[in-house]
Amino acid sequence: MFQSTATGQVFLGCVLLAAVGQEPINRANADAKNTWQDSEIKKLQGRWTVIREEKNYQNKVRRGWMDLEFADRRLKIVTLDENRKQTWDSSLEVIDVERVGPVSRLILGHVTQKKAEVYFDFVGDKLILVGRIVPRPFEGFQLSGEYARVEQPK
């Protein structure tokens, strides 16, 4: 295969150099991704709210609120009725943050079990979410909306 031992050694040296040379590049890419993820999570920190208006079966409009709170790689979700009385709450871990074209995607769940993929972007001072928490019958639990910041992160 090789005409001489020297050629074989040069070839082997190039292969090893290429393999070893990839580690710093991969490590640099991983570090850049972690820095970007930390930056995105930092932007989300704090409380966000959106007003929801829904028609019930009698065609009456019912107003409610959904509050989200991002802290320590966790998302707390609280729903409130028209009297601002809490009707439901839960929390999920932020498992991962990914870049998907011009927007970002949150992977939410518990430990390693994925419960939701929610796309997000910032438009001015608004947080735009598109997605739902899947494990509910039929439609899932909607998180989509245009959220306003309630308070600045600490």
Protein backbone atom coordinates (compact mmCIF):
# COMPACT_ATOMS: atom_id res chain seq x y z
CA MET A 1 0.00 0.00 0.00
CA PHE A 2 2.72 2.46 0.93
CA GLN A 3 5.87 2.66 -1.18
CA SER A 4 8.11 3.34 1.77
CA THR A 5 8.03 3.33 5.53
CA ALA A 6 8.70 7.08 5.56
CA THR A 7 5.59 7.76 3.48
CA GLY A 8 3.56 5.56 5.82
CA GLN A 9 4.90 7.41 8.84
CA VAL A 10 4.07 10.80 7.29
CA PHE A 11 0.56 9.61 6.45
CA LEU A 12 0.06 8.20 9.97
CA GLY A 13 1.42 11.44 11.45
CA CYS A 14 -1.07 13.50 9.40
CA VAL A 15 -3.98 11.29 10.48
CA LEU A 16 -2.98 11.57 14.15
CA LEU A 17 -2.46 15.33 13.85
CA ALA A 18 -5.90 15.71 12.27
CA ALA A 19 -7.51 13.62 15.02
CA VAL A 20 -5.72 15.43 17.84
CA GLY A 21 -6.21 18.79 16.13
CA GLN A 22 -10.01 18.33 16.15
CA GLU A 23 -10.24 18.17 19.94
CA PRO A 24 -9.42 21.88 20.53
CA ILE A 25 -11.82 22.86 17.75
CA ASN A 26 -14.63 20.71 19.20
CA ARG A 27 -13.89 21.99 22.70
CA ALA A 28 -13.96 25.59 21.38
CA ASN A 29 -17.33 24.91 19.69
CA ALA A 30 -18.72 23.39 22.90
CA ASP A 31 -17.45 26.35 24.95
CA ALA A 32 -19.02 28.80 22.47
CA LYS A 33 -22.33 26.89 22.62
CA ASN A 34 -22.29 26.91 26.45
CA THR A 35 -21.53 30.64 26.49
CA TRP A 36 -24.36 31.29 24.03
CA GLN A 37 -26.78 29.07 26.04
CA ASP A 38 -25.89 30.87 29.27
CA SER A 39 -26.49 34.21 27.54
CA GLU A 40 -29.91 33.11 26.26
CA ILE A 41 -30.92 31.74 29.67
CA LYS A 42 -29.79 34.98 31.32
CA LYS A 43 -32.05 36.99 28.96
CA LEU A 44 -35.01 34.82 30.02
CA GLN A 45 -34.39 35.25 33.78
CA GLY A 46 -37.22 36.87 35.73
CA ARG A 47 -41.00 36.91 35.53
CA TRP A 48 -43.06 37.22 32.36
CA THR A 49 -46.84 37.49 31.96
CA VAL A 50 -49.48 37.31 29.24
CA ILE A 51 -53.24 37.93 29.33
CA ARG A 52 -55.39 35.17 27.84
CA GLU A 53 -58.97 35.66 26.68
CA GLU A 54 -61.03 32.59 25.88
CA LYS A 55 -64.66 32.02 25.00
CA ASN A 56 -66.41 29.37 27.05
CA TYR A 57 -69.19 27.10 25.81
CA GLN A 58 -71.76 29.93 26.39
CA ASN A 59 -69.69 32.31 24.20
CA LYS A 60 -68.77 34.41 27.23
CA VAL A 61 -65.26 35.83 27.20
CA ARG A 62 -63.17 34.72 30.13
CA ARG A 63 -59.93 36.51 30.93
CA GLY A 64 -56.99 34.86 32.62
CA TRP A 65 -53.27 35.31 33.02
CA MET A 66 -50.28 33.09 32.62
CA ASP A 67 -47.11 33.93 34.50
CA LEU A 68 -43.74 32.38 33.76
CA GLU A 69 -40.73 32.65 36.00
CA PHE A 70 -37.27 31.61 34.83
CA ALA A 71 -34.71 31.06 37.61
CA ASP A 72 -31.81 28.65 38.09
CA ARG A 73 -32.48 26.77 34.82
CA ARG A 74 -36.10 26.14 35.87
CA LEU A 75 -39.35 27.44 34.42
CA LYS A 76 -42.24 27.92 36.82
CA ILE A 77 -45.65 28.19 35.14
CA VAL A 78 -48.64 29.71 36.97
CA THR A 79 -52.14 30.29 35.58
CA LEU A 80 -54.49 32.82 37.18
CA ASP A 81 -58.23 33.34 36.70
CA GLU A 82 -60.06 36.64 36.04
CA ASN A 83 -59.75 37.53 39.75
CA ARG A 84 -55.97 36.86 39.63
CA LYS A 85 -56.50 33.79 41.81
CA GLN A 86 -54.06 30.97 41.09
CA THR A 87 -55.69 28.05 39.28
CA TRP A 88 -52.68 25.91 38.37
CA ASP A 89 -48.91 25.83 38.76
CA SER A 90 -46.05 23.58 37.82
CA SER A 91 -42.40 23.78 36.95
CA LEU A 92 -40.03 22.23 34.45
CA GLU A 93 -36.27 22.17 34.07
CA VAL A 94 -34.59 23.88 31.14
CA ILE A 95 -32.76 20.84 29.77
CA ASP A 96 -31.23 22.57 26.75
CA VAL A 97 -31.31 25.70 24.60
CA GLU A 98 -30.74 25.34 20.86
CA ARG A 99 -30.45 27.72 17.93
CA VAL A 100 -32.97 26.92 15.17
CA GLY A 101 -32.52 29.31 12.27
CA PRO A 102 -33.25 32.86 13.45
CA VAL A 103 -34.95 31.79 16.71
CA SER A 104 -34.05 29.71 19.75
CA ARG A 105 -35.67 26.59 21.18
CA LEU A 106 -36.03 25.62 24.83
CA ILE A 107 -36.08 21.93 25.65
CA LEU A 108 -38.11 21.55 28.85
CA GLY A 109 -38.67 18.52 31.03
CA HIS A 110 -37.63 16.66 34.13
CA VAL A 111 -34.01 15.48 34.37
CA THR A 112 -33.57 13.88 30.93
CA GLN A 113 -37.25 13.30 30.07
CA LYS A 114 -38.30 15.88 27.49
CA LYS A 115 -41.80 17.32 28.03
CA ALA A 116 -41.79 20.23 25.60
CA GLU A 117 -40.00 22.11 22.86
CA VAL A 118 -40.83 25.80 22.93
CA TYR A 119 -39.52 28.24 20.33
CA PHE A 120 -38.73 31.75 21.51
CA ASP A 121 -37.43 35.11 20.41
CA PHE A 122 -37.30 38.64 21.76
CA VAL A 123 -39.02 41.47 19.92
CA GLY A 124 -38.23 44.73 21.67
CA ASP A 125 -38.98 44.12 25.33
CA LYS A 126 -41.44 41.27 24.61
CA LEU A 127 -40.77 37.54 24.83
CA ILE A 128 -42.51 35.62 22.03
CA LEU A 129 -43.11 31.92 22.77
CA VAL A 130 -44.52 29.34 20.38
CA GLY A 131 -45.15 25.87 21.74
CA ARG A 132 -46.96 23.70 24.24
CA ILE A 133 -46.33 21.20 26.96
CA VAL A 134 -47.22 17.92 25.31
CA PRO A 135 -48.47 15.43 27.92
CA ARG A 136 -52.03 16.67 28.12
CA PRO A 137 -54.86 15.03 26.25
CA PHE A 138 -55.74 16.40 22.85
CA GLU A 139 -54.24 19.87 22.44
CA GLY A 140 -51.50 20.06 25.09
CA PHE A 141 -50.98 22.99 27.39
CA GLN A 142 -50.38 26.15 25.36
CA LEU A 143 -47.43 28.36 26.26
CA SER A 144 -47.62 30.38 23.04
CA GLY A 145 -48.02 34.10 23.43
CA GLU A 146 -46.44 37.54 23.63
CA TYR A 147 -45.16 37.93 27.19
CA ALA A 148 -44.24 41.18 28.93
CA ARG A 149 -41.57 41.29 31.61
CA VAL A 150 -43.01 41.77 35.11
CA GLU A 151 -39.72 42.60 36.77
CA GLN A 152 -36.11 42.90 35.80
CA PRO A 153 -33.85 39.94 36.59
CA LYS A 154 -31.60 40.24 39.61
